[in-house]
Amino acid sequence: MSFSETVSRYHEAYATAVAPRRGSLMTKAEIDAAVADVIADPKVLQWLFPSDHCSNHSNDGACECAQTDHAIFHRIGRGTYRVL
């Protein structure tokens, strides 16, 4: 399984964790805290990043939602995201 496929497995958990904040700006720390309530495994949390789920940004191994209409975030700046 590729890294992108692995990251994509956690897309719904990310979406669920931040759904109450739709339209809001969140920092990476706030997103990490919200996601930790849904994904309790610290080994998984250490390599999940909001930037892997952005409409306007991508990383190597990003979620399949990156740069699509299914993205969860819009990157505003380093460590700051708007929840879509």
PDB file of N, CA and C in Angstrom:
ATOM      1  N   MET A   1       0.856  -1.178   0.000  1.00  0.00           N
ATOM      2  CA  MET A   1       0.000   0.000   0.000  1.00  0.00           C
ATOM      3  C   MET A   1       0.901   1.240   0.000  1.00  0.00           C
ATOM      4  N   SER A   2       0.605   2.189  -0.870  1.00  0.00           N
ATOM      5  CA  SER A   2       1.411   3.408  -0.955  1.00  0.00           C
ATOM      6  C   SER A   2       1.119   4.323   0.242  1.00  0.00           C
ATOM      7  N   PHE A   3       2.012   5.274   0.479  1.00  0.00           N
ATOM      8  CA  PHE A   3       1.811   6.225   1.565  1.00  0.00           C
ATOM      9  C   PHE A   3       0.535   7.029   1.337  1.00  0.00           C
ATOM     10  N   SER A   4       0.280   7.415   0.088  1.00  0.00           N
ATOM     11  CA  SER A   4      -0.926   8.170  -0.246  1.00  0.00           C
ATOM     12  C   SER A   4      -2.186   7.371   0.090  1.00  0.00           C
ATOM     13  N   GLU A   5      -2.174   6.091  -0.216  1.00  0.00           N
ATOM     14  CA  GLU A   5      -3.327   5.239   0.108  1.00  0.00           C
ATOM     15  C   GLU A   5      -3.497   5.121   1.619  1.00  0.00           C
ATOM     16  N   THR A   6      -2.391   5.033   2.336  1.00  0.00           N
ATOM     17  CA  THR A   6      -2.456   4.939   3.795  1.00  0.00           C
ATOM     18  C   THR A   6      -3.038   6.220   4.391  1.00  0.00           C
ATOM     19  N   VAL A   7      -2.545   7.368   3.933  1.00  0.00           N
ATOM     20  CA  VAL A   7      -3.059   8.656   4.416  1.00  0.00           C
ATOM     21  C   VAL A   7      -4.542   8.783   4.097  1.00  0.00           C
ATOM     22  N   SER A   8      -4.944   8.357   2.922  1.00  0.00           N
ATOM     23  CA  SER A   8      -6.341   8.458   2.491  1.00  0.00           C
ATOM     24  C   SER A   8      -7.280   7.644   3.373  1.00  0.00           C
ATOM     25  N   ARG A   9      -6.764   6.593   3.995  1.00  0.00           N
ATOM     26  CA  ARG A   9      -7.594   5.773   4.886  1.00  0.00           C
ATOM     27  C   ARG A   9      -8.114   6.591   6.066  1.00  0.00           C
ATOM     28  N   TYR A  10      -7.424   7.664   6.424  1.00  0.00           N
ATOM     29  CA  TYR A  10      -7.804   8.478   7.575  1.00  0.00           C
ATOM     30  C   TYR A  10      -8.567   9.751   7.196  1.00  0.00           C
ATOM     31  N   HIS A  11      -8.924   9.872   5.922  1.00  0.00           N
ATOM     32  CA  HIS A  11      -9.636  11.062   5.436  1.00  0.00           C
ATOM     33  C   HIS A  11     -10.936  11.297   6.213  1.00  0.00           C
ATOM     34  N   GLU A  12     -11.753  10.287   6.356  1.00  0.00           N
ATOM     35  CA  GLU A  12     -13.052  10.449   7.031  1.00  0.00           C
ATOM     36  C   GLU A  12     -12.884  10.814   8.504  1.00  0.00           C
ATOM     37  N   ALA A  13     -11.870  10.252   9.154  1.00  0.00           N
ATOM     38  CA  ALA A  13     -11.619  10.605  10.554  1.00  0.00           C
ATOM     39  C   ALA A  13     -11.274  12.091  10.660  1.00  0.00           C
ATOM     40  N   TYR A  14     -10.437  12.580   9.762  1.00  0.00           N
ATOM     41  CA  TYR A  14     -10.086  14.004   9.732  1.00  0.00           C
ATOM     42  C   TYR A  14     -11.345  14.836   9.493  1.00  0.00           C
ATOM     43  N   ALA A  15     -12.132  14.459   8.509  1.00  0.00           N
ATOM     44  CA  ALA A  15     -13.338  15.215   8.162  1.00  0.00           C
ATOM     45  C   ALA A  15     -14.312  15.254   9.331  1.00  0.00           C
ATOM     46  N   THR A  16     -14.489  14.135   9.995  1.00  0.00           N
ATOM     47  CA  THR A  16     -15.398  14.055  11.145  1.00  0.00           C
ATOM     48  C   THR A  16     -14.895  14.926  12.292  1.00  0.00           C
ATOM     49  N   ALA A  17     -13.607  14.889  12.541  1.00  0.00           N
ATOM     50  CA  ALA A  17     -13.021  15.633  13.665  1.00  0.00           C
ATOM     51  C   ALA A  17     -13.204  17.138  13.538  1.00  0.00           C
ATOM     52  N   VAL A  18     -13.140  17.657  12.335  1.00  0.00           N
ATOM     53  CA  VAL A  18     -13.204  19.119  12.155  1.00  0.00           C
ATOM     54  C   VAL A  18     -14.555  19.603  11.620  1.00  0.00           C
ATOM     55  N   ALA A  19     -15.482  18.711  11.360  1.00  0.00           N
ATOM     56  CA  ALA A  19     -16.789  19.089  10.804  1.00  0.00           C
ATOM     57  C   ALA A  19     -17.491  20.187  11.612  1.00  0.00           C
ATOM     58  N   PRO A  20     -17.443  20.161  12.939  1.00  0.00           N
ATOM     59  CA  PRO A  20     -18.112  21.240  13.689  1.00  0.00           C
ATOM     60  C   PRO A  20     -17.503  22.622  13.463  1.00  0.00           C
ATOM     61  N   ARG A  21     -16.320  22.696  12.919  1.00  0.00           N
ATOM     62  CA  ARG A  21     -15.610  23.962  12.707  1.00  0.00           C
ATOM     63  C   ARG A  21     -15.638  24.408  11.246  1.00  0.00           C
ATOM     64  N   ARG A  22     -16.509  23.813  10.428  1.00  0.00           N
ATOM     65  CA  ARG A  22     -16.579  24.178   9.012  1.00  0.00           C
ATOM     66  C   ARG A  22     -16.678  25.692   8.846  1.00  0.00           C
ATOM     67  N   GLY A  23     -15.837  26.227   7.964  1.00  0.00           N
ATOM     68  CA  GLY A  23     -15.817  27.664   7.702  1.00  0.00           C
ATOM     69  C   GLY A  23     -14.865  28.432   8.599  1.00  0.00           C
ATOM     70  N   SER A  24     -14.376  27.791   9.649  1.00  0.00           N
ATOM     71  CA  SER A  24     -13.485  28.448  10.610  1.00  0.00           C
ATOM     72  C   SER A  24     -12.024  28.299  10.223  1.00  0.00           C
ATOM     73  N   LEU A  25     -11.210  29.207  10.768  1.00  0.00           N
ATOM     74  CA  LEU A  25      -9.769  29.059  10.672  1.00  0.00           C
ATOM     75  C   LEU A  25      -9.311  28.222  11.859  1.00  0.00           C
ATOM     76  N   MET A  26      -8.377  27.310  11.589  1.00  0.00           N
ATOM     77  CA  MET A  26      -7.807  26.475  12.647  1.00  0.00           C
ATOM     78  C   MET A  26      -6.303  26.401  12.462  1.00  0.00           C
ATOM     79  N   THR A  27      -5.599  26.329  13.563  1.00  0.00           N
ATOM     80  CA  THR A  27      -4.166  26.104  13.501  1.00  0.00           C
ATOM     81  C   THR A  27      -3.917  24.597  13.422  1.00  0.00           C
ATOM     82  N   LYS A  28      -2.711  24.229  13.046  1.00  0.00           N
ATOM     83  CA  LYS A  28      -2.360  22.818  13.003  1.00  0.00           C
ATOM     84  C   LYS A  28      -2.527  22.196  14.383  1.00  0.00           C
ATOM     85  N   ALA A  29      -2.151  22.911  15.429  1.00  0.00           N
ATOM     86  CA  ALA A  29      -2.281  22.390  16.794  1.00  0.00           C
ATOM     87  C   ALA A  29      -3.746  22.125  17.145  1.00  0.00           C
ATOM     88  N   GLU A  30      -4.642  23.017  16.753  1.00  0.00           N
ATOM     89  CA  GLU A  30      -6.073  22.813  17.015  1.00  0.00           C
ATOM     90  C   GLU A  30      -6.602  21.622  16.236  1.00  0.00           C
ATOM     91  N   ILE A  31      -6.177  21.496  14.994  1.00  0.00           N
ATOM     92  CA  ILE A  31      -6.597  20.356  14.170  1.00  0.00           C
ATOM     93  C   ILE A  31      -6.078  19.062  14.767  1.00  0.00           C
ATOM     94  N   ASP A  32      -4.799  19.054  15.161  1.00  0.00           N
ATOM     95  CA  ASP A  32      -4.213  17.853  15.767  1.00  0.00           C
ATOM     96  C   ASP A  32      -4.984  17.437  17.013  1.00  0.00           C
ATOM     97  N   ALA A  33      -5.368  18.398  17.839  1.00  0.00           N
ATOM     98  CA  ALA A  33      -6.124  18.090  19.057  1.00  0.00           C
ATOM     99  C   ALA A  33      -7.497  17.498  18.718  1.00  0.00           C
ATOM    100  N   ALA A  34      -8.171  18.057  17.728  1.00  0.00           N
ATOM    101  CA  ALA A  34      -9.483  17.543  17.320  1.00  0.00           C
ATOM    102  C   ALA A  34      -9.364  16.131  16.754  1.00  0.00           C
ATOM    103  N   VAL A  35      -8.352  15.901  15.945  1.00  0.00           N
ATOM    104  CA  VAL A  35      -8.157  14.586  15.327  1.00  0.00           C
ATOM    105  C   VAL A  35      -7.770  13.551  16.377  1.00  0.00           C
ATOM    106  N   ALA A  36      -7.037  13.960  17.405  1.00  0.00           N
ATOM    107  CA  ALA A  36      -6.642  13.033  18.470  1.00  0.00           C
ATOM    108  C   ALA A  36      -7.858  12.484  19.212  1.00  0.00           C
ATOM    109  N   ASP A  37      -8.980  13.206  19.189  1.00  0.00           N
ATOM    110  CA  ASP A  37     -10.212  12.703  19.804  1.00  0.00           C
ATOM    111  C   ASP A  37     -10.839  11.585  18.982  1.00  0.00           C
ATOM    112  N   VAL A  38     -10.507  11.525  17.696  1.00  0.00           N
ATOM    113  CA  VAL A  38     -11.073  10.525  16.787  1.00  0.00           C
ATOM    114  C   VAL A  38     -10.096   9.379  16.532  1.00  0.00           C
ATOM    115  N   ILE A  39      -8.828   9.712  16.406  1.00  0.00           N
ATOM    116  CA  ILE A  39      -7.778   8.714  16.160  1.00  0.00           C
ATOM    117  C   ILE A  39      -6.888   8.688  17.396  1.00  0.00           C
ATOM    118  N   ALA A  40      -7.010   7.658  18.190  1.00  0.00           N
ATOM    119  CA  ALA A  40      -6.315   7.611  19.478  1.00  0.00           C
ATOM    120  C   ALA A  40      -4.886   7.084  19.388  1.00  0.00           C
ATOM    121  N   ASP A  41      -4.476   6.595  18.238  1.00  0.00           N
ATOM    122  CA  ASP A  41      -3.155   5.980  18.109  1.00  0.00           C
ATOM    123  C   ASP A  41      -2.090   7.041  17.842  1.00  0.00           C
ATOM    124  N   PRO A  42      -1.212   7.337  18.824  1.00  0.00           N
ATOM    125  CA  PRO A  42      -0.192   8.370  18.614  1.00  0.00           C
ATOM    126  C   PRO A  42       0.782   8.048  17.484  1.00  0.00           C
ATOM    127  N   LYS A  43       0.987   6.779  17.185  1.00  0.00           N
ATOM    128  CA  LYS A  43       1.878   6.405  16.079  1.00  0.00           C
ATOM    129  C   LYS A  43       1.289   6.846  14.746  1.00  0.00           C
ATOM    130  N   VAL A  44      -0.020   6.805  14.615  1.00  0.00           N
ATOM    131  CA  VAL A  44      -0.690   7.270  13.392  1.00  0.00           C
ATOM    132  C   VAL A  44      -0.679   8.795  13.351  1.00  0.00           C
ATOM    133  N   LEU A  45      -0.983   9.414  14.466  1.00  0.00           N
ATOM    134  CA  LEU A  45      -1.075  10.875  14.522  1.00  0.00           C
ATOM    135  C   LEU A  45       0.223  11.580  14.167  1.00  0.00           C
ATOM    136  N   GLN A  46       1.354  10.952  14.440  1.00  0.00           N
ATOM    137  CA  GLN A  46       2.629  11.613  14.193  1.00  0.00           C
ATOM    138  C   GLN A  46       2.922  11.828  12.716  1.00  0.00           C
ATOM    139  N   TRP A  47       2.268  11.106  11.814  1.00  0.00           N
ATOM    140  CA  TRP A  47       2.540  11.310  10.384  1.00  0.00           C
ATOM    141  C   TRP A  47       1.315  11.758   9.595  1.00  0.00           C
ATOM    142  N   LEU A  48       0.241  12.152  10.281  1.00  0.00           N
ATOM    143  CA  LEU A  48      -0.911  12.745   9.601  1.00  0.00           C
ATOM    144  C   LEU A  48      -0.803  14.267   9.684  1.00  0.00           C
ATOM    145  N   PHE A  49      -1.034  14.935   8.554  1.00  0.00           N
ATOM    146  CA  PHE A  49      -0.896  16.384   8.507  1.00  0.00           C
ATOM    147  C   PHE A  49      -2.091  16.998   7.778  1.00  0.00           C
ATOM    148  N   PRO A  50      -2.601  18.144   8.262  1.00  0.00           N
ATOM    149  CA  PRO A  50      -3.689  18.816   7.557  1.00  0.00           C
ATOM    150  C   PRO A  50      -3.321  19.153   6.111  1.00  0.00           C
ATOM    151  N   SER A  51      -2.051  19.460   5.879  1.00  0.00           N
ATOM    152  CA  SER A  51      -1.628  19.839   4.528  1.00  0.00           C
ATOM    153  C   SER A  51      -1.793  18.702   3.525  1.00  0.00           C
ATOM    154  N   ASP A  52      -1.966  17.476   4.004  1.00  0.00           N
ATOM    155  CA  ASP A  52      -2.222  16.346   3.104  1.00  0.00           C
ATOM    156  C   ASP A  52      -3.663  16.312   2.611  1.00  0.00           C
ATOM    157  N   HIS A  53      -4.500  17.200   3.133  1.00  0.00           N
ATOM    158  CA  HIS A  53      -5.932  17.206   2.810  1.00  0.00           C
ATOM    159  C   HIS A  53      -6.387  18.586   2.343  1.00  0.00           C
ATOM    160  N   CYS A  54      -5.535  19.292   1.606  1.00  0.00           N
ATOM    161  CA  CYS A  54      -5.808  20.679   1.209  1.00  0.00           C
ATOM    162  C   CYS A  54      -6.281  20.818  -0.236  1.00  0.00           C
ATOM    163  N   SER A  55      -7.131  21.800  -0.435  1.00  0.00           N
ATOM    164  CA  SER A  55      -7.636  22.102  -1.775  1.00  0.00           C
ATOM    165  C   SER A  55      -6.603  22.844  -2.608  1.00  0.00           C
ATOM    166  N   ASN A  56      -5.678  23.541  -1.948  1.00  0.00           N
ATOM    167  CA  ASN A  56      -4.742  24.398  -2.665  1.00  0.00           C
ATOM    168  C   ASN A  56      -3.276  24.093  -2.357  1.00  0.00           C
ATOM    169  N   HIS A  57      -3.017  22.918  -1.847  1.00  0.00           N
ATOM    170  CA  HIS A  57      -1.650  22.558  -1.465  1.00  0.00           C
ATOM    171  C   HIS A  57      -1.540  21.041  -1.505  1.00  0.00           C
ATOM    172  N   SER A  58      -0.347  20.549  -1.770  1.00  0.00           N
ATOM    173  CA  SER A  58      -0.155  19.103  -1.781  1.00  0.00           C
ATOM    174  C   SER A  58       1.257  18.771  -1.326  1.00  0.00           C
ATOM    175  N   ASN A  59       1.416  17.580  -0.833  1.00  0.00           N
ATOM    176  CA  ASN A  59       2.704  17.043  -0.410  1.00  0.00           C
ATOM    177  C   ASN A  59       2.905  15.712  -1.108  1.00  0.00           C
ATOM    178  N   ASP A  60       4.128  15.219  -1.123  1.00  0.00           N
ATOM    179  CA  ASP A  60       4.351  13.848  -1.582  1.00  0.00           C
ATOM    180  C   ASP A  60       3.574  12.921  -0.654  1.00  0.00           C
ATOM    181  N   GLY A  61       2.816  12.016  -1.222  1.00  0.00           N
ATOM    182  CA  GLY A  61       2.047  11.070  -0.426  1.00  0.00           C
ATOM    183  C   GLY A  61       0.794  11.653   0.189  1.00  0.00           C
ATOM    184  N   ALA A  62       0.285  12.762  -0.355  1.00  0.00           N
ATOM    185  CA  ALA A  62      -0.922  13.397   0.182  1.00  0.00           C
ATOM    186  C   ALA A  62      -2.146  12.513  -0.054  1.00  0.00           C
ATOM    187  N   CYS A  63      -3.199  12.812   0.661  1.00  0.00           N
ATOM    188  CA  CYS A  63      -4.475  12.117   0.500  1.00  0.00           C
ATOM    189  C   CYS A  63      -4.983  12.302  -0.928  1.00  0.00           C
ATOM    190  N   GLU A  64      -5.791  11.375  -1.359  1.00  0.00           N
ATOM    191  CA  GLU A  64      -6.392  11.461  -2.698  1.00  0.00           C
ATOM    192  C   GLU A  64      -7.288  12.682  -2.850  1.00  0.00           C
ATOM    193  N   CYS A  65      -7.706  13.283  -1.729  1.00  0.00           N
ATOM    194  CA  CYS A  65      -8.573  14.465  -1.785  1.00  0.00           C
ATOM    195  C   CYS A  65      -7.809  15.746  -2.114  1.00  0.00           C
ATOM    196  N   ALA A  66      -6.479  15.723  -1.946  1.00  0.00           N
ATOM    197  CA  ALA A  66      -5.674  16.934  -2.131  1.00  0.00           C
ATOM    198  C   ALA A  66      -5.897  17.527  -3.518  1.00  0.00           C
ATOM    199  N   GLN A  67      -6.100  18.832  -3.537  1.00  0.00           N
ATOM    200  CA  GLN A  67      -6.323  19.608  -4.750  1.00  0.00           C
ATOM    201  C   GLN A  67      -7.559  19.148  -5.526  1.00  0.00           C
ATOM    202  N   THR A  68      -8.593  18.701  -4.779  1.00  0.00           N
ATOM    203  CA  THR A  68      -9.870  18.332  -5.391  1.00  0.00           C
ATOM    204  C   THR A  68     -11.001  18.996  -4.603  1.00  0.00           C
ATOM    205  N   ASP A  69     -12.218  18.811  -5.085  1.00  0.00           N
ATOM    206  CA  ASP A  69     -13.408  19.319  -4.388  1.00  0.00           C
ATOM    207  C   ASP A  69     -13.695  18.551  -3.103  1.00  0.00           C
ATOM    208  N   HIS A  70     -13.003  17.456  -2.866  1.00  0.00           N
ATOM    209  CA  HIS A  70     -13.216  16.637  -1.670  1.00  0.00           C
ATOM    210  C   HIS A  70     -12.238  16.972  -0.546  1.00  0.00           C
ATOM    211  N   ALA A  71     -11.401  17.978  -0.752  1.00  0.00           N
ATOM    212  CA  ALA A  71     -10.429  18.380   0.263  1.00  0.00           C
ATOM    213  C   ALA A  71     -11.149  18.863   1.519  1.00  0.00           C
ATOM    214  N   ILE A  72     -10.470  18.759   2.636  1.00  0.00           N
ATOM    215  CA  ILE A  72     -11.036  19.150   3.923  1.00  0.00           C
ATOM    216  C   ILE A  72     -10.628  20.572   4.298  1.00  0.00           C
ATOM    217  N   PHE A  73      -9.450  20.988   3.863  1.00  0.00           N
ATOM    218  CA  PHE A  73      -8.895  22.285   4.254  1.00  0.00           C
ATOM    219  C   PHE A  73      -8.477  23.120   3.048  1.00  0.00           C
ATOM    220  N   HIS A  74      -8.393  24.411   3.296  1.00  0.00           N
ATOM    221  CA  HIS A  74      -7.773  25.351   2.369  1.00  0.00           C
ATOM    222  C   HIS A  74      -6.626  25.970   3.160  1.00  0.00           C
ATOM    223  N   ARG A  75      -5.416  25.818   2.680  1.00  0.00           N
ATOM    224  CA  ARG A  75      -4.250  26.325   3.407  1.00  0.00           C
ATOM    225  C   ARG A  75      -4.190  27.838   3.282  1.00  0.00           C
ATOM    226  N   ILE A  76      -4.191  28.511   4.411  1.00  0.00           N
ATOM    227  CA  ILE A  76      -4.120  29.965   4.455  1.00  0.00           C
ATOM    228  C   ILE A  76      -2.669  30.417   4.537  1.00  0.00           C
ATOM    229  N   GLY A  77      -1.901  29.729   5.329  1.00  0.00           N
ATOM    230  CA  GLY A  77      -0.479  30.003   5.522  1.00  0.00           C
ATOM    231  C   GLY A  77       0.129  28.871   6.318  1.00  0.00           C
ATOM    232  N   ARG A  78       1.390  28.955   6.590  1.00  0.00           N
ATOM    233  CA  ARG A  78       2.064  27.878   7.311  1.00  0.00           C
ATOM    234  C   ARG A  78       1.376  27.632   8.653  1.00  0.00           C
ATOM    235  N   GLY A  79       0.808  26.453   8.812  1.00  0.00           N
ATOM    236  CA  GLY A  79       0.165  26.070  10.064  1.00  0.00           C
ATOM    237  C   GLY A  79      -1.217  26.629  10.280  1.00  0.00           C
ATOM    238  N   THR A  80      -1.811  27.276   9.263  1.00  0.00           N
ATOM    239  CA  THR A  80      -3.164  27.862   9.398  1.00  0.00           C
ATOM    240  C   THR A  80      -4.026  27.391   8.228  1.00  0.00           C
ATOM    241  N   TYR A  81      -5.231  26.912   8.562  1.00  0.00           N
ATOM    242  CA  TYR A  81      -6.106  26.306   7.561  1.00  0.00           C
ATOM    243  C   TYR A  81      -7.551  26.763   7.788  1.00  0.00           C
ATOM    244  N   ARG A  82      -8.287  26.895   6.688  1.00  0.00           N
ATOM    245  CA  ARG A  82      -9.740  27.098   6.773  1.00  0.00           C
ATOM    246  C   ARG A  82     -10.379  25.735   6.534  1.00  0.00           C
ATOM    247  N   VAL A  83     -11.319  25.382   7.389  1.00  0.00           N
ATOM    248  CA  VAL A  83     -12.030  24.108   7.245  1.00  0.00           C
ATOM    249  C   VAL A  83     -13.115  24.288   6.193  1.00  0.00           C
ATOM    250  N   LEU A  84     -13.082  23.444   5.182  1.00  0.00           N
ATOM    251  CA  LEU A  84     -14.058  23.530   4.085  1.00  0.00           C
ATOM    252  C   LEU A  84     -15.311  22.738   4.403  1.00  0.00           C
TER     253      LEU A  84
END
